[in-house]
Amino acid sequence: MSVKAFKLVSAVEREMLMGDKNYINIECIECCGKNLYIGTNDCFIYHFLLDEKVSTAGKITFAATKQLHKYLGLKKPVSELKAASALTRLLVLCDNTITLVNMINLEPVPSGARIKGAVTFTLNENPVSGDPFCVEVCIISVKRRTIQMFMVFEDRIQIVKEVFTPEQPCAVAVDGYYLCLALTTQYIILNYNTGVSQDLFPYCSDEKRPIVKRIGRQEFLLAGPGGLGMFATVDGISQRAPVHWSENVIGAALCFPYVVALDEEFITVHSMLDQQQKQTLPFKEGHILQDFEGKVIVATNKGVYILVPLPLEKQIQDLLASHRVEEALVLAKGARRNIPKEKFQVMYKRILQQAGFIQFAQLQFLEAKELFR
């Protein structure tokens, strides 16, 4: 049964990006606060400011204002963008090279610092260095079966570690010293400090695109066999039941308490609390789904959209209105971490009371009694 958990809202229309130039495609996106960056197939970076507007009726819209765009001077697509806001730097991957550019004017740093030989890269969101003016970057190297760790400062880059993997890595996520890797035939957890690795489960990267996503401290979300979204900790165990995706998931994101997945035709929303599918949104030609500081963004080749979550209280009330008491209570308990304690206690008491009256009206007196209690 469905829950209206998200609304899909357009953020950047195709005309704003490409006008009548049909050959331009969106390759990657990055969002940091109100700053939205888009990398395209013709080697441009576009910078927009996103303004969220709420109407008196509570309807949310986004107005994107173009700041500037910058040509990187190559005939290659911009394949990845990552913001390091503490350094006011944008890390740009193009033609196997990561360049540092200024987040405001998109100019390369004067020192010319760059990382060469990168297939793909990610940032360590749980850094080990403790230096606030440095970001830790992990790359899959063009050298076979090699991962490299770097420390990136405002205008210089320092290599920290080079790690060899048993098979060719094709996707990576980092938490502290732990790398969660999709290799050619399996997922593994590797501690790059000690070199100790642990197999998770088999997976064939030739048949499907692997997904490796850090979702919290020492926990990852992976696209497993049989269309399962699997959770794994750095100890190689799963503390949550898997969610059932379609076989051809392209991307996944987390917006607690939901896991959002994108395939060729739909965006699906599963609850992490009871693993049930809660919502399906038709979305064709999507190829990017990412979450940025709680904001979930999807993109086609031509446009960018934001999945706006409906307030959890509204979702709970909708469930109670359809007499789905168990689901409402599960969601209410899960909402505890998103709502201040005093407010939560008042809200939870009211929900228990409403749920009690619903059970009472259905002549489920024992259940009602427990809820009233």
Protein backbone atom coordinates (compact mmCIF):
# COMPACT_ATOMS: atom_id res chain seq x y z
CA MET A 1 0.00 0.00 0.00
CA SER A 2 1.29 3.44 -0.86
CA VAL A 3 2.27 6.38 1.31
CA LYS A 4 2.85 9.82 -0.11
CA ALA A 5 6.38 10.28 1.23
CA PHE A 6 7.87 12.51 -1.52
CA LYS A 7 6.82 14.95 -4.21
CA LEU A 8 8.89 15.39 -7.37
CA VAL A 9 9.64 19.08 -8.05
CA SER A 10 11.50 20.46 -11.06
CA ALA A 11 14.65 22.45 -10.17
CA VAL A 12 16.51 23.16 -13.45
CA GLU A 13 14.61 23.12 -16.75
CA ARG A 14 16.46 22.10 -19.90
CA GLU A 15 16.20 25.60 -21.45
CA MET A 16 18.19 27.09 -18.56
CA LEU A 17 21.03 24.71 -19.22
CA MET A 18 21.17 24.15 -22.95
CA GLY A 19 18.74 26.51 -24.69
CA ASP A 20 18.24 24.93 -28.11
CA LYS A 21 21.53 22.96 -28.08
CA ASN A 22 20.13 19.43 -28.08
CA TYR A 23 23.52 17.73 -27.98
CA ILE A 24 24.22 18.88 -24.38
CA ASN A 25 23.67 16.21 -21.73
CA ILE A 26 23.94 16.31 -17.94
CA GLU A 27 26.72 13.94 -16.82
CA CYS A 28 26.95 14.66 -13.07
CA ILE A 29 25.61 16.91 -10.32
CA GLU A 30 26.77 18.23 -6.95
CA CYS A 31 24.75 20.19 -4.41
CA CYS A 32 26.20 22.03 -1.42
CA GLY A 33 23.80 24.23 0.53
CA LYS A 34 22.09 26.39 -2.08
CA ASN A 35 24.84 25.80 -4.65
CA LEU A 36 24.02 23.36 -7.45
CA TYR A 37 26.77 22.37 -9.87
CA ILE A 38 26.16 20.51 -13.12
CA GLY A 39 28.85 18.86 -15.28
CA THR A 40 28.02 18.25 -18.95
CA ASN A 41 29.20 16.04 -21.81
CA ASP A 42 30.71 19.03 -23.66
CA CYS A 43 33.16 19.78 -20.79
CA PHE A 44 31.28 22.62 -19.10
CA ILE A 45 30.49 23.22 -15.41
CA TYR A 46 27.36 25.22 -14.62
CA HIS A 47 26.76 26.86 -11.24
CA PHE A 48 23.20 27.63 -10.10
CA LEU A 49 21.80 29.03 -6.85
CA LEU A 50 18.74 27.07 -5.70
CA ASP A 51 16.08 29.00 -3.85
CA GLU A 52 13.33 27.05 -2.09
CA LYS A 53 9.95 28.80 -2.00
CA VAL A 54 6.91 27.72 0.05
CA SER A 55 3.50 29.04 -0.97
CA THR A 56 0.78 29.92 1.57
CA ALA A 57 -0.84 26.57 0.69
CA GLY A 58 2.42 24.84 1.67
CA LYS A 59 3.45 23.98 -1.90
CA ILE A 60 7.24 23.88 -2.38
CA THR A 61 8.88 25.12 -5.58
CA PHE A 62 12.51 25.77 -6.52
CA ALA A 63 13.88 28.74 -8.42
CA ALA A 64 17.31 28.17 -9.94
CA THR A 65 19.38 31.25 -10.80
CA LYS A 66 22.35 30.69 -13.09
CA GLN A 67 25.55 32.19 -11.67
CA LEU A 68 28.09 31.28 -14.34
CA HIS A 69 29.40 28.48 -16.51
CA LYS A 70 32.96 27.48 -17.29
CA TYR A 71 34.53 25.51 -20.15
CA LEU A 72 37.32 23.21 -18.97
CA GLY A 73 39.09 23.19 -22.31
CA LEU A 74 38.86 19.49 -23.16
CA LYS A 75 36.71 17.54 -25.58
CA LYS A 76 35.74 15.13 -22.76
CA PRO A 77 32.68 14.96 -20.47
CA VAL A 78 32.87 16.18 -16.87
CA SER A 79 32.29 12.82 -15.19
CA GLU A 80 32.19 13.68 -11.46
CA LEU A 81 31.90 16.72 -9.18
CA LYS A 82 32.39 16.88 -5.40
CA ALA A 83 32.30 20.00 -3.23
CA ALA A 84 34.71 20.57 -0.34
CA SER A 85 32.96 23.56 1.24
CA ALA A 86 35.50 23.99 4.08
CA LEU A 87 38.13 24.66 1.40
CA THR A 88 35.71 26.50 -0.98
CA ARG A 89 36.89 24.01 -3.59
CA LEU A 90 35.11 21.90 -6.17
CA LEU A 91 36.86 18.65 -7.17
CA VAL A 92 36.26 18.01 -10.86
CA LEU A 93 36.97 14.68 -12.59
CA CYS A 94 37.47 15.00 -16.34
CA ASP A 95 39.62 12.84 -18.63
CA ASN A 96 40.97 10.76 -15.67
CA THR A 97 42.26 13.89 -13.91
CA ILE A 98 40.85 15.51 -10.75
CA THR A 99 41.28 19.30 -10.84
CA LEU A 100 40.68 21.71 -7.95
CA VAL A 101 38.58 24.74 -8.87
CA ASN A 102 37.22 27.63 -6.80
CA MET A 103 33.56 27.01 -5.82
CA ILE A 104 32.63 30.65 -6.49
CA ASN A 105 34.35 31.60 -9.77
CA LEU A 106 35.12 28.06 -11.07
CA GLU A 107 38.75 29.07 -11.76
CA PRO A 108 41.42 26.36 -11.29
CA VAL A 109 43.62 26.87 -8.18
CA PRO A 110 46.76 28.87 -9.04
CA SER A 111 49.09 26.08 -7.83
CA GLY A 112 47.68 23.78 -10.54
CA ALA A 113 47.37 20.95 -7.96
CA ARG A 114 45.66 17.90 -9.46
CA ILE A 115 45.32 14.12 -9.15
CA LYS A 116 46.09 12.20 -12.33
CA GLY A 117 45.02 8.68 -13.25
CA ALA A 118 41.60 8.53 -11.54
CA VAL A 119 38.78 6.38 -12.95
CA THR A 120 36.33 7.51 -10.24
CA PHE A 121 36.61 9.06 -6.79
CA THR A 122 34.78 9.67 -3.52
CA LEU A 123 35.27 11.73 -0.35
CA ASN A 124 35.70 10.27 3.13
CA GLU A 125 32.77 11.71 5.12
CA ASN A 126 34.21 10.26 8.34
CA PRO A 127 37.81 11.51 7.95
CA VAL A 128 40.69 10.13 9.99
CA SER A 129 43.11 13.08 9.79
CA GLY A 130 41.20 15.43 12.10
CA ASP A 131 42.32 18.43 10.02
CA PRO A 132 39.27 20.63 9.26
CA PHE A 133 41.09 22.28 6.31
CA CYS A 134 41.69 19.06 4.44
CA VAL A 135 39.45 16.53 2.68
CA GLU A 136 40.34 12.88 2.26
CA VAL A 137 39.84 11.60 -1.26
CA CYS A 138 39.80 7.96 -2.36
CA ILE A 139 40.28 7.16 -6.05
CA ILE A 140 40.06 4.04 -8.14
CA SER A 141 43.29 4.35 -10.09
CA VAL A 142 43.83 3.70 -13.80
CA LYS A 143 46.59 1.36 -12.57
CA ARG A 144 45.05 -2.09 -12.44
CA ARG A 145 43.64 -3.29 -9.10
CA THR A 146 44.75 -0.14 -7.28
CA ILE A 147 43.07 2.25 -4.85
CA GLN A 148 44.81 5.46 -3.75
CA MET A 149 44.08 7.73 -0.77
CA PHE A 150 44.93 11.45 -0.88
CA MET A 151 44.74 14.43 1.44
CA VAL A 152 43.52 17.49 -0.46
CA PHE A 153 44.25 20.98 0.93
CA GLU A 154 43.27 24.37 -0.46
CA ASP A 155 46.02 24.39 -3.08
CA ARG A 156 48.04 21.20 -2.64
CA ILE A 157 47.51 17.45 -2.71
CA GLN A 158 49.37 14.75 -0.83
CA ILE A 159 49.18 10.98 -1.42
CA VAL A 160 48.66 9.02 1.80
CA LYS A 161 48.31 5.39 0.79
CA GLU A 162 48.19 3.05 -2.18
CA VAL A 163 46.28 -0.20 -1.70
CA PHE A 164 46.14 -3.21 -4.02
CA THR A 165 42.89 -5.18 -4.39
CA PRO A 166 42.39 -8.87 -5.23
CA GLU A 167 40.31 -7.98 -8.33
CA GLN A 168 39.67 -4.84 -10.35
CA PRO A 169 37.54 -2.40 -8.27
CA CYS A 170 34.65 -0.65 -10.05
CA ALA A 171 32.93 1.28 -7.22
CA VAL A 172 34.00 2.46 -3.76
CA ALA A 173 32.62 4.17 -0.64
CA VAL A 174 34.71 5.19 2.38
CA ASP A 175 34.13 5.43 6.11
CA GLY A 176 37.16 6.19 8.28
CA TYR A 177 39.82 3.59 7.44
CA TYR A 178 37.23 1.27 5.85
CA LEU A 179 36.69 0.95 2.12
CA CYS A 180 33.56 -0.78 0.85
CA LEU A 181 34.46 -2.00 -2.63
CA ALA A 182 32.59 -3.51 -5.54
CA LEU A 183 35.12 -5.73 -7.31
CA THR A 184 34.54 -7.66 -10.54
CA THR A 185 32.78 -10.61 -8.88
CA GLN A 186 32.10 -9.58 -5.26
CA TYR A 187 31.76 -6.86 -2.64
CA ILE A 188 34.39 -6.60 0.09
CA ILE A 189 35.24 -4.42 3.12
CA LEU A 190 38.91 -3.43 3.26
CA ASN A 191 40.69 -1.62 6.08
CA TYR A 192 43.31 0.39 4.21
CA ASN A 193 45.25 1.04 7.42
CA THR A 194 45.72 -2.63 8.44
CA GLY A 195 45.23 -4.25 5.00
CA VAL A 196 42.65 -6.67 6.48
CA SER A 197 39.79 -7.44 4.09
CA GLN A 198 36.49 -9.24 4.47
CA ASP A 199 34.29 -10.72 1.73
CA LEU A 200 30.65 -9.65 1.82
CA PHE A 201 28.76 -11.43 -0.98
CA PRO A 202 29.21 -12.26 -4.68
CA TYR A 203 28.10 -9.88 -7.39
CA CYS A 204 28.70 -9.80 -11.13
CA SER A 205 29.68 -6.29 -12.24
CA ASP A 206 29.60 -7.36 -15.92
CA GLU A 207 25.86 -7.96 -15.75
CA LYS A 208 24.71 -5.04 -13.60
CA ARG A 209 25.93 -1.71 -12.30
CA PRO A 210 27.14 -2.10 -8.72
CA ILE A 211 25.97 0.36 -6.07
CA VAL A 212 28.10 1.12 -3.02
CA LYS A 213 26.85 3.90 -0.78
CA ARG A 214 27.85 5.00 2.71
CA ILE A 215 24.61 5.63 4.62
CA GLY A 216 25.97 6.33 8.11
CA ARG A 217 28.87 5.72 10.44
CA GLN A 218 30.39 2.32 9.56
CA GLU A 219 27.39 1.28 7.44
CA PHE A 220 26.91 0.89 3.68
CA LEU A 221 24.06 0.17 1.27
CA LEU A 222 24.83 -2.17 -1.65
CA ALA A 223 22.98 -3.47 -4.71
CA GLY A 224 22.98 -7.20 -4.00
CA PRO A 225 22.02 -10.22 -6.09
CA GLY A 226 18.37 -10.88 -6.91
CA GLY A 227 17.42 -7.19 -6.89
CA LEU A 228 18.06 -6.77 -3.15
CA GLY A 229 19.26 -3.59 -1.50
CA MET A 230 21.61 -5.00 1.18
CA PHE A 231 22.95 -3.22 4.26
CA ALA A 232 26.43 -4.05 5.54
CA THR A 233 28.53 -2.77 8.43
CA VAL A 234 32.33 -2.51 8.43
CA ASP A 235 32.34 -5.78 10.42
CA GLY A 236 30.77 -7.51 7.43
CA ILE A 237 27.38 -8.08 9.06
CA SER A 238 23.91 -6.75 8.29
CA GLN A 239 21.88 -5.19 11.10
CA ARG A 240 18.85 -4.52 8.92
CA ALA A 241 16.73 -6.68 6.66
CA PRO A 242 17.27 -6.04 2.92
CA VAL A 243 14.83 -4.10 0.74
CA HIS A 244 13.47 -5.58 -2.51
CA TRP A 245 14.45 -3.47 -5.50
CA SER A 246 13.94 -4.12 -9.17
CA GLU A 247 16.74 -6.03 -10.95
CA ASN A 248 18.08 -3.00 -12.81
CA VAL A 249 18.59 -0.30 -10.16
CA ILE A 250 20.76 2.58 -11.42
CA GLY A 251 21.17 4.58 -8.22
CA ALA A 252 20.15 4.67 -4.55
CA ALA A 253 19.91 7.36 -1.88
CA LEU A 254 18.98 7.60 1.77
CA CYS A 255 16.50 10.06 3.28
CA PHE A 256 15.70 8.63 6.71
CA PRO A 257 13.57 6.62 7.24
CA TYR A 258 13.46 5.87 3.50
CA VAL A 259 15.73 4.28 0.94
CA VAL A 260 15.05 5.72 -2.51
CA ALA A 261 16.04 3.79 -5.66
CA LEU A 262 16.03 4.68 -9.35
CA ASP A 263 15.61 2.28 -12.27
CA GLU A 264 14.84 2.86 -15.97
CA GLU A 265 11.18 3.69 -15.40
CA PHE A 266 10.50 4.45 -11.73
CA ILE A 267 11.68 5.97 -8.50
CA THR A 268 10.78 3.59 -5.66
CA VAL A 269 10.66 4.40 -1.96
CA HIS A 270 11.18 1.70 0.70
CA SER A 271 11.00 2.13 4.46
CA MET A 272 14.11 1.12 6.43
CA LEU A 273 11.80 0.50 9.41
CA ASP A 274 9.68 -2.30 7.95
CA GLN A 275 11.34 -2.83 4.49
CA GLN A 276 7.99 -2.30 2.74
CA GLN A 277 7.72 -0.43 -0.55
CA LYS A 278 5.82 2.76 0.26
CA GLN A 279 5.74 4.81 -2.93
CA THR A 280 6.37 4.51 -6.68
CA LEU A 281 6.90 7.57 -8.86
CA PRO A 282 7.05 7.16 -12.67
CA PHE A 283 10.34 8.69 -13.89
CA LYS A 284 11.67 7.86 -17.34
CA GLU A 285 15.21 8.41 -18.64
CA GLY A 286 16.62 9.09 -15.18
CA HIS A 287 20.31 8.32 -14.84
CA ILE A 288 21.39 10.12 -11.63
CA LEU A 289 19.97 9.76 -8.10
CA GLN A 290 21.97 11.19 -5.19
CA ASP A 291 21.37 12.66 -1.75
CA PHE A 292 23.16 15.80 -0.59
CA GLU A 293 22.84 16.75 3.10
CA GLY A 294 19.37 15.19 3.19
CA LYS A 295 18.28 16.63 -0.19
CA VAL A 296 17.49 13.91 -2.75
CA ILE A 297 18.13 14.96 -6.36
CA VAL A 298 17.36 13.04 -9.56
CA ALA A 299 18.35 13.97 -13.09
CA THR A 300 17.72 12.96 -16.67
CA ASN A 301 20.15 13.95 -19.43
CA LYS A 302 18.26 17.22 -19.80
CA GLY A 303 16.78 18.28 -16.43
CA VAL A 304 17.26 18.24 -12.64
CA TYR A 305 14.51 17.47 -10.12
CA ILE A 306 14.30 17.41 -6.32
CA LEU A 307 12.40 14.81 -4.30
CA VAL A 308 10.79 16.87 -1.56
CA PRO A 309 9.84 14.81 1.53
CA LEU A 310 6.41 15.42 3.01
CA PRO A 311 6.52 16.20 6.75
CA LEU A 312 6.61 12.95 8.76
CA GLU A 313 3.64 14.10 10.87
CA LYS A 314 1.57 14.50 7.70
CA GLN A 315 2.60 11.00 6.54
CA ILE A 316 1.64 9.53 9.94
CA GLN A 317 -1.76 11.28 9.86
CA ASP A 318 -2.39 9.95 6.33
CA LEU A 319 -1.64 6.40 7.54
CA LEU A 320 -3.99 6.79 10.52
CA ALA A 321 -6.69 8.20 8.22
CA SER A 322 -6.44 4.96 6.17
CA HIS A 323 -6.55 2.91 9.44
CA ARG A 324 -2.99 1.62 8.90
CA VAL A 325 -2.23 1.77 12.61
CA GLU A 326 0.84 -0.52 12.70
CA GLU A 327 2.60 1.36 9.89
CA ALA A 328 1.76 4.70 11.50
CA LEU A 329 3.25 3.61 14.83
CA VAL A 330 6.39 2.19 13.18
CA LEU A 331 6.90 5.47 11.30
CA ALA A 332 6.20 7.53 14.44
CA LYS A 333 8.84 5.60 16.42
CA GLY A 334 11.30 5.96 13.55
CA ALA A 335 10.67 9.73 13.46
CA ARG A 336 12.19 10.07 16.94
CA ARG A 337 15.65 10.85 15.58
CA ASN A 338 14.33 13.63 13.29
CA ILE A 339 12.18 15.52 15.85
CA PRO A 340 13.23 17.34 19.08
CA LYS A 341 12.53 15.25 22.20
CA GLU A 342 9.78 17.38 23.81
CA LYS A 343 7.95 17.86 20.51
CA PHE A 344 8.25 14.15 19.76
CA GLN A 345 6.75 13.12 23.12
CA VAL A 346 3.71 15.38 22.64
CA MET A 347 3.26 14.16 19.05
CA TYR A 348 3.71 10.48 19.99
CA LYS A 349 1.13 10.63 22.80
CA ARG A 350 -1.39 12.14 20.41
CA ILE A 351 -0.68 9.46 17.79
CA LEU A 352 -1.06 6.65 20.35
CA GLN A 353 -4.39 8.15 21.38
CA GLN A 354 -5.63 8.40 17.77
CA ALA A 355 -4.44 4.85 17.07
CA GLY A 356 -6.24 3.67 20.21
CA PHE A 357 -9.54 5.15 19.04
CA ILE A 358 -9.12 3.52 15.60
CA GLN A 359 -8.50 0.07 17.21
CA PHE A 360 -11.43 0.67 19.60
CA ALA A 361 -13.78 1.46 16.69
CA GLN A 362 -12.65 -1.81 15.05
CA LEU A 363 -13.57 -3.65 18.27
CA GLN A 364 -9.91 -4.56 18.92
CA PHE A 365 -10.27 -3.74 22.61
CA LEU A 366 -7.04 -5.30 23.93
CA GLU A 367 -4.90 -3.46 21.37
CA ALA A 368 -6.83 -0.24 22.07
CA LYS A 369 -6.31 -0.66 25.82
CA GLU A 370 -2.53 -1.02 25.35
CA LEU A 371 -2.40 2.09 23.19
CA PHE A 372 -4.52 4.16 25.62
CA ARG A 373 -2.28 2.99 28.45
